[in-house]
Protein backbone atom coordinates (compact mmCIF):
# COMPACT_ATOMS: atom_id res chain seq x y z
CA MET A 1 49.60 -26.29 -30.51
CA GLU A 2 47.17 -27.55 -27.83
CA GLN A 3 44.41 -29.86 -28.96
CA ARG A 4 41.47 -27.65 -28.13
CA ILE A 5 39.22 -24.94 -29.65
CA SER A 6 38.47 -21.89 -27.62
CA LEU A 7 36.16 -19.96 -29.94
CA VAL A 8 33.98 -20.70 -32.92
CA THR A 9 33.14 -17.46 -34.73
CA LEU A 10 30.26 -17.46 -37.12
CA GLY A 11 30.11 -14.75 -39.71
CA VAL A 12 26.56 -13.55 -39.95
CA THR A 13 24.64 -11.08 -42.13
CA ASP A 14 22.52 -9.67 -39.31
CA VAL A 15 23.91 -9.87 -35.80
CA ALA A 16 20.61 -8.86 -34.15
CA ARG A 17 18.61 -11.54 -36.11
CA SER A 18 21.21 -14.25 -35.33
CA LYS A 19 21.32 -13.33 -31.70
CA ALA A 20 17.56 -13.62 -31.53
CA PHE A 21 17.69 -16.98 -33.29
CA TYR A 22 20.18 -18.45 -30.79
CA GLU A 23 18.29 -16.91 -27.83
CA HIS A 24 15.11 -18.58 -29.10
CA LEU A 25 17.13 -21.91 -28.89
CA GLY A 26 17.63 -21.11 -25.21
CA TRP A 27 21.19 -19.74 -25.42
CA ARG A 28 22.09 -16.68 -23.38
CA GLY A 29 24.84 -14.44 -24.71
CA GLN A 30 26.61 -11.10 -24.00
CA GLU A 31 26.79 -8.47 -26.74
CA VAL A 32 29.90 -6.29 -26.78
CA GLU A 33 30.67 -3.84 -29.69
CA GLU A 34 28.21 -5.57 -32.20
CA THR A 35 29.69 -9.00 -31.33
CA VAL A 36 27.77 -11.64 -29.34
CA PHE A 37 29.49 -14.15 -27.18
CA PHE A 38 27.85 -17.32 -25.96
CA GLN A 39 29.53 -19.54 -23.43
CA ALA A 40 29.18 -23.13 -24.77
CA GLY A 41 30.70 -25.56 -22.36
CA GLY A 42 34.44 -25.07 -22.31
CA LEU A 43 34.40 -22.80 -25.44
CA ALA A 44 32.56 -19.84 -26.82
CA VAL A 45 30.41 -19.42 -29.92
CA VAL A 46 30.74 -15.94 -31.31
CA LEU A 47 28.41 -14.03 -33.72
CA TRP A 48 30.20 -11.35 -35.72
CA ASP A 49 29.34 -9.44 -38.94
CA ARG A 50 30.36 -11.58 -41.88
CA ASP A 51 32.06 -8.80 -43.74
CA LYS A 52 33.94 -7.63 -40.67
CA LEU A 53 35.12 -11.22 -40.05
CA ALA A 54 36.27 -11.56 -43.70
CA ALA A 55 38.16 -8.26 -43.45
CA ASP A 56 39.81 -9.26 -40.12
CA ALA A 57 40.83 -12.55 -41.62
CA GLY A 58 42.24 -10.84 -44.70
CA ILE A 59 39.91 -12.67 -47.18
CA ASP A 60 37.79 -11.23 -49.98
CA ASN A 61 35.00 -13.86 -49.89
CA PRO A 62 32.90 -13.67 -46.71
CA GLY A 63 31.06 -17.00 -47.53
CA SER A 64 30.29 -19.36 -44.58
CA GLY A 65 32.59 -22.05 -45.82
CA ALA A 66 32.33 -25.73 -45.16
CA LEU A 67 31.85 -25.98 -41.38
CA THR A 68 29.38 -28.01 -39.31
CA LEU A 69 28.76 -27.37 -35.62
CA ALA A 70 27.38 -30.26 -33.67
CA GLN A 71 25.74 -30.79 -30.37
CA ASN A 72 25.46 -34.27 -28.85
CA VAL A 73 22.50 -34.89 -26.58
CA ARG A 74 21.35 -37.71 -24.25
CA SER A 75 18.48 -39.26 -26.21
CA GLN A 76 16.67 -39.59 -29.50
CA ALA A 77 13.80 -37.72 -28.00
CA GLU A 78 16.03 -34.77 -27.22
CA VAL A 79 17.28 -34.71 -30.84
CA ASP A 80 13.69 -34.42 -32.01
CA GLU A 81 12.92 -31.76 -29.40
CA LEU A 82 15.93 -29.61 -30.41
CA MET A 83 15.30 -29.94 -34.10
CA ALA A 84 11.71 -28.72 -33.48
CA THR A 85 12.94 -25.84 -31.33
CA ALA A 86 15.41 -24.83 -34.10
CA VAL A 87 12.58 -24.81 -36.75
CA ALA A 88 10.44 -22.68 -34.42
CA ALA A 89 13.38 -20.25 -34.19
CA GLY A 90 13.63 -20.04 -37.93
CA ALA A 91 16.04 -22.78 -38.86
CA THR A 92 15.83 -24.76 -42.08
CA VAL A 93 16.01 -28.50 -41.70
CA THR A 94 18.56 -29.85 -44.17
CA LYS A 95 18.37 -33.49 -43.11
CA PRO A 96 15.50 -34.73 -40.82
CA ALA A 97 16.53 -36.71 -37.81
CA ARG A 98 16.91 -40.38 -38.38
CA GLU A 99 18.92 -43.43 -37.42
CA THR A 100 22.56 -43.30 -38.27
CA PHE A 101 25.13 -45.82 -39.56
CA TYR A 102 26.83 -45.84 -36.10
CA GLY A 103 23.70 -46.83 -34.21
CA GLY A 104 22.78 -43.32 -33.12
CA TYR A 105 20.18 -40.81 -34.22
CA ALA A 106 20.80 -37.39 -35.84
CA GLY A 107 19.54 -34.51 -38.00
CA TYR A 108 20.89 -31.35 -39.41
CA PHE A 109 19.53 -27.81 -39.60
CA ALA A 110 20.85 -24.49 -40.97
CA ASP A 111 20.65 -21.26 -39.06
CA PRO A 112 19.44 -18.12 -40.77
CA ASP A 113 22.95 -17.52 -42.22
CA GLY A 114 23.27 -21.14 -43.47
CA HIS A 115 25.65 -22.37 -40.73
CA LEU A 116 24.95 -26.08 -40.36
CA TRP A 117 24.23 -27.72 -37.03
CA GLU A 118 24.08 -31.40 -36.40
CA ILE A 119 22.00 -32.55 -33.38
CA ALA A 120 22.95 -36.08 -32.54
CA TRP A 121 22.53 -38.86 -30.01
CA ASN A 122 25.38 -41.23 -30.10
CA PRO A 123 25.25 -44.17 -27.67
CA GLY A 124 29.04 -44.52 -27.88
CA PHE A 125 29.91 -41.04 -26.67
CA THR A 126 29.68 -40.22 -22.93
CA LEU A 127 28.27 -36.83 -21.93
CA ALA A 128 29.13 -35.44 -18.55
CA PRO A 129 26.35 -33.74 -16.48
CA ASP A 130 27.57 -30.41 -17.80
CA GLY A 131 27.36 -31.61 -21.38
CA THR A 132 31.07 -32.07 -21.89
CA LEU A 133 31.73 -34.75 -24.44
CA THR A 134 34.45 -37.37 -23.96
CA VAL A 135 35.73 -38.96 -27.05
CA PRO A 136 35.84 -42.68 -26.47
CA ASP A 137 39.05 -44.72 -26.93
CA PHE A 138 38.24 -46.10 -30.35
CA SER A 139 41.21 -48.48 -30.21
CA ALA A 140 39.59 -50.34 -27.29
CA MET A 141 36.44 -50.99 -29.52
CA ASP A 142 38.19 -53.30 -31.97
């Protein structure tokens, strides 16, 4: 199995509401057959009806599960800006942005369906101009 993720599908209770939420954050998606696809760097984030997702996966409980999505940004100010944008779009802050144990700055919010997002600035992670994150060689940091 290749070490990559192609799609992250979020099971949502109201596709139109969730699409509007993510569009308010500045994302632009395409809706096809009641499914919304957002290009997110080298992968896609997909919004799909929670019950349909559960049925497709062959499970009875369509709960959101333990999953956190994260977006690394280039500055502490950008963390604050994105957290405010998320709140304006209808998010619930679950952990206000603050300094982290690793010398960065991060906060968490939940989208209207309870999916958790971390917005973080990590001075140890390099972001390319297109936002692609490169995981550092941690062994070189010893």
